[in-house]
Amino acid sequence: MRWSVRLVNGAIALALVVVFLGGWTRLNDAGLGCPDWPTCYGHFVLPAHDQVAERIEVHFPGHQVDLDKGWLEMIHRYAASALGLLILIQAIWGWRQRGRTGYPIQLTLALLALVIVQGIFGMWTVTLKLVPWVVTLHLLGGLTTLVLLVRLRQRLASVSHSGRRYPGQEGKVMEPSVAMLLAVIFMQIALGGWTSSNYAGWACDHWASCHRGEATELDFMQGFNPVLPLGPNYEGGLLPASARAAIQMVHRAGAVAVVLALAFVSWRLRNYRHLLPWVCLCWGAVGMQVVLGVLNVVWQLPLGLAIAHHAGGVVILLSVMGLYDRSFLQRVEVTHVNHLPTGQVSG
């Protein structure tokens, strides 16, 4: 069990690196820094600048070679491949532990299947030239991988006597509002991915309305049409301004939905003082993300703020996962919590 915990800890750290590298690559417009896959201009290690004409341009005539963007993309691929290898080792090790009571073998195998699917979507991101639905699903897959790794770590902590930091979840039920909050956050992340992959972050320049003092046409039908033709290069985005504005405004509405969902969770868990720090952490992460979102609109997506906004989504996810793991409550508490006097904690 000690080795299982060490493996998953390493995988979580590497998954964070991969998620941040993916955001850095996308925000630096390096998603097509390599025109081929899995190599980059036919190389697993890019040549030096003085060798570009000899080793690249003769095989890619007419293609504008940008080694800096190519290296960004390849470093992301190296890190993702290392994560896949670590998850494979975790699955093999977990299979050897399958006879241990409570060992989450299904979760380790699900992670292995997911990382294979992620590899396929990584290939499609390049070969289909950044078609938005592929880019968005690739982002969601990366964050789902991170969430499942965190969940695996939590499960291992509950079944390992030496690693247990808090009581197990046997005989307890999960507070459903927290699962609802997690689902709303994933929908908002999907909207963020759709906004980014359609280059709609620049569509509006006012934090409340889209454009100050003027009516803005919003084309929701075209903005959220997932059936996009394959073949065109989607780098820079192909949608008209009205469709991009509609995407950004819906993303803002999603932020309001996250705040309302978190408020509902806070009300549901108001009598559980041991969960208060985690609820406050979630509020802090969501509040900071709202501020970053407003600043990105006002200042039109400077790279530093855009990266911070990307990181903020990850922080929210991790905060809610911490709350999720600790929101498994005794059945009697779930049944009677709403009948307790205000301020009284059951159990």
Protein backbone atom coordinates (compact mmCIF):
# COMPACT_ATOMS: atom_id res chain seq x y z
CA MET A 1 0.00 0.00 0.00
CA ARG A 2 2.90 2.34 0.70
CA TRP A 3 4.14 1.93 -2.88
CA SER A 4 0.63 2.45 -4.23
CA VAL A 5 0.38 5.75 -2.37
CA ARG A 6 3.81 6.83 -3.60
CA LEU A 7 2.90 6.01 -7.19
CA VAL A 8 -0.36 7.92 -7.10
CA ASN A 9 1.29 10.89 -5.38
CA GLY A 10 3.83 11.04 -8.21
CA ALA A 11 1.06 10.69 -10.79
CA ILE A 12 -0.93 13.57 -9.24
CA ALA A 13 2.12 15.83 -9.29
CA LEU A 14 2.82 14.90 -12.92
CA ALA A 15 -0.85 15.33 -13.89
CA LEU A 16 -0.73 18.88 -12.52
CA VAL A 17 2.35 19.55 -14.64
CA VAL A 18 0.62 18.13 -17.74
CA VAL A 19 -2.54 20.21 -17.16
CA PHE A 20 -0.55 23.42 -16.73
CA LEU A 21 1.67 22.64 -19.72
CA GLY A 22 -1.46 22.01 -21.80
CA GLY A 23 -2.83 25.42 -20.84
CA TRP A 24 0.52 27.09 -21.47
CA THR A 25 0.77 25.45 -24.91
CA ARG A 26 -2.78 26.45 -25.87
CA LEU A 27 -2.47 30.05 -24.64
CA ASN A 28 0.80 30.48 -26.52
CA ASP A 29 -0.93 29.35 -29.74
CA ALA A 30 1.40 26.36 -29.92
CA GLY A 31 -1.27 23.68 -30.32
CA LEU A 32 -0.11 23.21 -33.89
CA GLY A 33 3.53 23.90 -33.10
CA CYS A 34 4.11 20.44 -34.54
CA PRO A 35 2.23 19.64 -37.76
CA ASP A 36 2.54 15.88 -37.24
CA TRP A 37 2.07 13.35 -34.44
CA PRO A 38 3.68 11.74 -32.41
CA THR A 39 6.85 13.27 -33.88
CA CYS A 40 7.44 16.96 -34.51
CA TYR A 41 8.52 17.65 -38.07
CA GLY A 42 9.48 13.99 -38.19
CA HIS A 43 11.69 14.19 -35.07
CA PHE A 44 11.18 13.17 -31.46
CA VAL A 45 13.91 15.68 -30.55
CA LEU A 46 13.87 18.87 -32.59
CA PRO A 47 17.09 19.84 -34.38
CA ALA A 48 18.98 23.07 -33.78
CA HIS A 49 18.02 26.25 -35.62
CA ASP A 50 20.93 25.98 -38.04
CA GLN A 51 19.73 22.52 -39.10
CA VAL A 52 16.13 23.50 -39.91
CA ALA A 53 16.68 23.89 -43.65
CA GLU A 54 18.51 20.59 -43.91
CA ARG A 55 16.42 18.40 -41.60
CA ILE A 56 12.92 19.94 -41.67
CA GLU A 57 12.18 22.30 -44.55
CA VAL A 58 13.06 19.76 -47.25
CA HIS A 59 10.38 17.43 -45.82
CA PHE A 60 7.81 20.18 -45.04
CA PRO A 61 8.07 22.56 -48.02
CA GLY A 62 6.14 25.79 -47.63
CA HIS A 63 5.55 25.26 -43.90
CA GLN A 64 6.62 28.06 -41.57
CA VAL A 65 8.78 26.36 -38.94
CA ASP A 66 8.64 27.75 -35.40
CA LEU A 67 10.95 25.71 -33.19
CA ASP A 68 9.91 27.55 -30.02
CA LYS A 69 6.27 26.51 -30.44
CA GLY A 70 7.41 23.05 -31.50
CA TRP A 71 9.35 22.63 -28.27
CA LEU A 72 6.35 23.80 -26.22
CA GLU A 73 4.21 21.12 -27.83
CA MET A 74 6.87 18.40 -27.51
CA ILE A 75 7.56 19.13 -23.83
CA HIS A 76 3.83 18.76 -23.24
CA ARG A 77 3.89 15.42 -25.07
CA TYR A 78 6.91 14.21 -23.08
CA ALA A 79 5.17 15.00 -19.79
CA ALA A 80 1.89 13.40 -20.94
CA SER A 81 3.75 10.25 -22.04
CA ALA A 82 5.51 10.05 -18.68
CA LEU A 83 2.13 10.38 -16.93
CA GLY A 84 0.71 7.59 -19.10
CA LEU A 85 3.63 5.33 -18.18
CA LEU A 86 3.16 6.08 -14.48
CA ILE A 87 -0.55 5.28 -14.68
CA LEU A 88 0.27 2.02 -16.48
CA ILE A 89 2.67 1.07 -13.66
CA GLN A 90 -0.03 2.05 -11.14
CA ALA A 91 -2.54 -0.23 -12.90
CA ILE A 92 -0.09 -3.17 -12.95
CA TRP A 93 0.73 -2.65 -9.28
CA GLY A 94 -2.97 -2.31 -8.47
CA TRP A 95 -3.72 -5.58 -10.28
CA ARG A 96 -1.23 -7.30 -7.99
CA GLN A 97 -3.12 -5.82 -5.02
CA ARG A 98 -6.58 -6.80 -6.30
CA GLY A 99 -7.05 -9.40 -3.57
CA ARG A 100 -6.73 -6.79 -0.84
CA THR A 101 -10.06 -5.87 0.70
CA GLY A 102 -11.28 -2.50 -0.46
CA TYR A 103 -8.46 -1.88 -2.93
CA PRO A 104 -9.83 0.38 -5.73
CA ILE A 105 -8.72 -1.80 -8.64
CA GLN A 106 -11.59 -0.58 -10.86
CA LEU A 107 -10.40 2.98 -10.42
CA THR A 108 -6.84 2.16 -11.46
CA LEU A 109 -8.08 0.34 -14.57
CA ALA A 110 -10.45 3.21 -15.41
CA LEU A 111 -7.50 5.59 -15.22
CA LEU A 112 -5.51 3.40 -17.61
CA ALA A 113 -8.40 3.37 -20.11
CA LEU A 114 -8.83 7.13 -19.77
CA VAL A 115 -5.16 7.90 -20.41
CA ILE A 116 -5.29 5.79 -23.60
CA VAL A 117 -8.32 7.78 -24.77
CA GLN A 118 -6.44 10.97 -23.91
CA GLY A 119 -3.59 9.89 -26.15
CA ILE A 120 -6.04 9.44 -29.03
CA PHE A 121 -7.53 12.89 -28.45
CA GLY A 122 -4.04 14.36 -28.26
CA MET A 123 -3.37 12.93 -31.72
CA TRP A 124 -6.70 14.24 -33.07
CA THR A 125 -5.95 17.70 -31.69
CA VAL A 126 -3.06 17.90 -34.16
CA THR A 127 -4.34 15.83 -37.08
CA LEU A 128 -7.77 17.53 -37.07
CA LYS A 129 -6.15 20.97 -36.70
CA LEU A 130 -7.59 22.14 -33.38
CA VAL A 131 -11.25 21.45 -34.15
CA PRO A 132 -12.95 22.92 -31.03
CA TRP A 133 -14.89 19.86 -29.84
CA VAL A 134 -11.68 17.77 -29.82
CA VAL A 135 -9.72 20.45 -27.96
CA THR A 136 -12.51 20.84 -25.38
CA LEU A 137 -12.85 17.09 -24.78
CA HIS A 138 -9.06 16.79 -24.52
CA LEU A 139 -9.07 19.45 -21.79
CA LEU A 140 -11.92 17.72 -19.94
CA GLY A 141 -10.11 14.40 -20.21
CA GLY A 142 -6.97 15.86 -18.67
CA LEU A 143 -8.86 17.33 -15.73
CA THR A 144 -10.87 14.11 -15.30
CA THR A 145 -7.57 12.22 -15.12
CA LEU A 146 -6.41 14.57 -12.36
CA VAL A 147 -9.70 14.22 -10.45
CA LEU A 148 -9.65 10.41 -10.65
CA LEU A 149 -6.03 10.34 -9.45
CA VAL A 150 -6.99 12.49 -6.48
CA ARG A 151 -9.96 10.20 -5.82
CA LEU A 152 -7.64 7.17 -6.01
CA ARG A 153 -5.37 8.79 -3.44
CA GLN A 154 -8.35 9.40 -1.17
CA ARG A 155 -9.53 5.81 -1.53
CA LEU A 156 -6.07 4.44 -0.80
CA ALA A 157 -5.88 6.59 2.32
CA SER A 158 -9.18 5.11 3.55
CA VAL A 159 -8.14 1.46 3.06
CA SER A 160 -4.55 1.78 4.27
CA HIS A 161 -4.19 1.73 8.05
CA SER A 162 -0.79 3.40 7.90
CA GLY A 163 -1.96 6.10 5.48
CA ARG A 164 -5.35 6.85 7.07
CA ARG A 165 -5.71 10.50 7.99
CA TYR A 166 -9.42 10.49 8.69
CA PRO A 167 -12.12 7.86 9.27
CA GLY A 168 -13.17 5.63 6.38
CA GLN A 169 -16.45 5.98 4.55
CA GLU A 170 -18.00 2.64 5.45
CA GLY A 171 -21.62 2.99 6.53
CA LYS A 172 -21.79 6.57 5.32
CA VAL A 173 -23.55 8.29 2.44
CA MET A 174 -22.37 11.21 0.36
CA GLU A 175 -24.07 14.57 0.61
CA PRO A 176 -25.60 14.77 -2.91
CA SER A 177 -25.31 18.54 -3.20
CA VAL A 178 -21.50 18.23 -3.32
CA ALA A 179 -21.73 15.83 -6.27
CA MET A 180 -24.08 18.35 -7.91
CA LEU A 181 -21.51 21.10 -7.33
CA LEU A 182 -18.79 18.97 -8.91
CA ALA A 183 -20.99 18.38 -11.96
CA VAL A 184 -21.72 22.12 -12.32
CA ILE A 185 -18.00 22.90 -12.11
CA PHE A 186 -17.23 20.38 -14.84
CA MET A 187 -19.91 21.95 -17.05
CA GLN A 188 -18.35 25.36 -16.44
CA ILE A 189 -14.89 23.99 -17.30
CA ALA A 190 -16.36 22.57 -20.51
CA LEU A 191 -17.73 26.05 -21.31
CA GLY A 192 -14.30 27.51 -20.58
CA GLY A 193 -12.69 24.99 -22.91
CA TRP A 194 -15.23 25.82 -25.62
CA THR A 195 -14.55 29.53 -25.11
CA SER A 196 -10.79 29.00 -25.38
CA SER A 197 -10.89 26.58 -28.34
CA ASN A 198 -13.07 29.03 -30.29
CA TYR A 199 -10.85 31.97 -29.32
CA ALA A 200 -13.85 33.72 -27.79
CA GLY A 201 -11.99 35.22 -24.83
CA TRP A 202 -11.54 38.46 -26.78
CA ALA A 203 -15.17 38.64 -27.95
CA CYS A 204 -16.32 41.03 -25.19
CA ASP A 205 -14.50 43.89 -23.47
CA HIS A 206 -16.93 44.80 -20.69
CA TRP A 207 -17.23 42.76 -17.50
CA ALA A 208 -21.04 43.00 -17.17
CA SER A 209 -22.43 43.53 -20.66
CA CYS A 210 -20.46 42.41 -23.66
CA HIS A 211 -19.72 45.89 -24.99
CA ARG A 212 -20.32 49.03 -22.96
CA GLY A 213 -23.16 51.22 -24.20
CA GLU A 214 -24.12 49.20 -27.24
CA ALA A 215 -26.30 46.22 -28.02
CA THR A 216 -24.40 43.07 -28.95
CA GLU A 217 -25.75 40.47 -31.31
CA LEU A 218 -25.46 37.00 -29.79
CA ASP A 219 -25.61 34.02 -32.14
CA PHE A 220 -26.15 31.07 -29.79
CA MET A 221 -27.07 28.67 -32.59
CA GLN A 222 -23.78 29.03 -34.41
CA GLY A 223 -21.75 29.51 -31.25
CA PHE A 224 -22.79 26.15 -29.83
CA ASN A 225 -22.99 24.09 -32.98
CA PRO A 226 -20.73 21.07 -32.34
CA VAL A 227 -21.01 19.79 -35.91
CA LEU A 228 -18.01 21.53 -37.44
CA PRO A 229 -16.43 20.65 -40.77
CA LEU A 230 -13.18 18.70 -40.62
CA GLY A 231 -10.26 19.90 -42.66
CA PRO A 232 -9.98 23.66 -41.99
CA ASN A 233 -7.31 24.96 -39.62
CA TYR A 234 -9.13 26.24 -36.52
CA GLU A 235 -6.13 28.03 -35.03
CA GLY A 236 -7.28 31.58 -34.26
CA GLY A 237 -10.94 30.57 -34.52
CA LEU A 238 -13.32 30.64 -37.47
CA LEU A 239 -16.60 31.74 -35.86
CA PRO A 240 -18.04 35.23 -36.44
CA ALA A 241 -17.97 37.81 -33.65
CA SER A 242 -21.64 37.30 -32.73
CA ALA A 243 -21.11 33.58 -32.14
CA ARG A 244 -17.99 34.15 -30.05
CA ALA A 245 -19.80 36.77 -27.97
CA ALA A 246 -22.60 34.29 -27.29
CA ILE A 247 -20.07 31.70 -26.11
CA GLN A 248 -18.43 34.12 -23.70
CA MET A 249 -21.74 35.32 -22.25
CA VAL A 250 -22.88 31.74 -21.61
CA HIS A 251 -19.54 31.06 -19.91
CA ARG A 252 -20.25 34.02 -17.62
CA ALA A 253 -23.70 32.61 -16.86
CA GLY A 254 -21.96 29.36 -15.94
CA ALA A 255 -19.89 31.25 -13.37
CA VAL A 256 -23.11 32.48 -11.76
CA ALA A 257 -24.37 28.87 -11.70
CA VAL A 258 -21.19 27.78 -9.87
CA VAL A 259 -21.67 30.49 -7.23
CA LEU A 260 -25.32 29.50 -6.71
CA ALA A 261 -24.42 25.80 -6.49
CA LEU A 262 -21.72 26.52 -3.91
CA ALA A 263 -24.18 28.66 -1.92
CA PHE A 264 -26.62 25.73 -1.88
CA VAL A 265 -23.86 23.34 -0.71
CA SER A 266 -22.89 25.79 2.03
CA TRP A 267 -26.49 25.91 3.24
CA ARG A 268 -26.80 22.11 3.19
CA LEU A 269 -23.58 21.67 5.19
CA ARG A 270 -24.17 24.59 7.56
CA ASN A 271 -24.40 22.34 10.65
CA TYR A 272 -21.14 20.44 10.01
CA ARG A 273 -18.42 22.55 11.56
CA HIS A 274 -15.64 20.11 10.58
CA LEU A 275 -16.46 20.88 6.93
CA LEU A 276 -16.39 24.65 7.37
CA PRO A 277 -12.67 25.05 6.44
CA TRP A 278 -13.23 23.18 3.19
CA VAL A 279 -16.33 25.18 2.35
CA CYS A 280 -14.39 28.38 2.99
CA LEU A 281 -11.54 27.12 0.80
CA CYS A 282 -14.01 26.50 -2.03
CA TRP A 283 -15.43 30.00 -1.63
CA GLY A 284 -11.93 31.49 -1.70
CA ALA A 285 -11.03 29.61 -4.88
CA VAL A 286 -14.30 30.51 -6.62
CA GLY A 287 -14.05 34.16 -5.53
CA MET A 288 -10.50 34.44 -6.86
CA GLN A 289 -11.55 32.82 -10.14
CA VAL A 290 -14.39 35.34 -10.58
CA VAL A 291 -11.95 38.21 -10.02
CA LEU A 292 -9.49 36.72 -12.52
CA GLY A 293 -12.29 36.26 -15.05
CA VAL A 294 -13.35 39.91 -14.77
CA LEU A 295 -9.75 41.13 -15.09
CA ASN A 296 -9.19 38.94 -18.15
CA VAL A 297 -12.19 40.57 -19.83
CA VAL A 298 -11.22 44.11 -18.88
CA TRP A 299 -7.54 43.70 -19.87
CA GLN A 300 -8.26 41.42 -22.86
CA LEU A 301 -6.51 38.22 -21.80
CA PRO A 302 -2.89 39.07 -20.98
CA LEU A 303 -0.91 35.83 -20.90
CA GLY A 304 -0.16 35.91 -17.16
CA LEU A 305 -3.79 36.44 -16.19
CA ALA A 306 -5.00 33.82 -18.67
CA ILE A 307 -2.61 31.24 -17.16
CA ALA A 308 -3.76 32.24 -13.65
CA HIS A 309 -7.39 31.75 -14.72
CA HIS A 310 -6.51 28.31 -16.08
CA ALA A 311 -4.79 27.44 -12.79
CA GLY A 312 -7.76 28.80 -10.84
CA GLY A 313 -10.05 26.21 -12.40
CA VAL A 314 -7.68 23.47 -11.21
CA VAL A 315 -7.61 24.92 -7.69
CA ILE A 316 -11.42 24.95 -7.59
CA LEU A 317 -11.54 21.32 -8.69
CA LEU A 318 -9.04 20.20 -6.05
CA SER A 319 -10.84 22.18 -3.33
CA VAL A 320 -14.19 20.61 -4.19
CA MET A 321 -12.58 17.15 -4.32
CA GLY A 322 -11.32 17.70 -0.77
CA LEU A 323 -14.82 18.68 0.32
CA TYR A 324 -16.31 15.75 -1.61
CA ASP A 325 -14.17 13.20 0.23
CA ARG A 326 -15.08 14.62 3.62
CA SER A 327 -18.79 15.02 2.90
CA PHE A 328 -19.62 11.35 3.43
CA LEU A 329 -21.89 11.60 6.47
CA GLN A 330 -23.54 9.09 8.76
CA ARG A 331 -26.99 8.13 7.53
CA VAL A 332 -28.63 9.29 10.74
CA GLU A 333 -26.94 12.71 10.30
CA VAL A 334 -28.17 13.05 6.72
CA THR A 335 -31.68 12.13 7.80
CA HIS A 336 -31.95 14.49 10.73
CA VAL A 337 -29.63 17.38 9.91
CA ASN A 338 -32.47 19.67 8.82
CA HIS A 339 -34.33 19.05 12.11
CA LEU A 340 -31.51 20.24 14.36
CA PRO A 341 -31.60 23.64 15.99
CA THR A 342 -29.44 26.22 14.23
CA GLY A 343 -25.77 25.85 15.18
CA GLN A 344 -26.15 22.34 16.66
CA VAL A 345 -23.97 19.60 15.19
CA SER A 346 -25.28 16.04 15.13
CA GLY A 347 -23.16 13.11 16.27
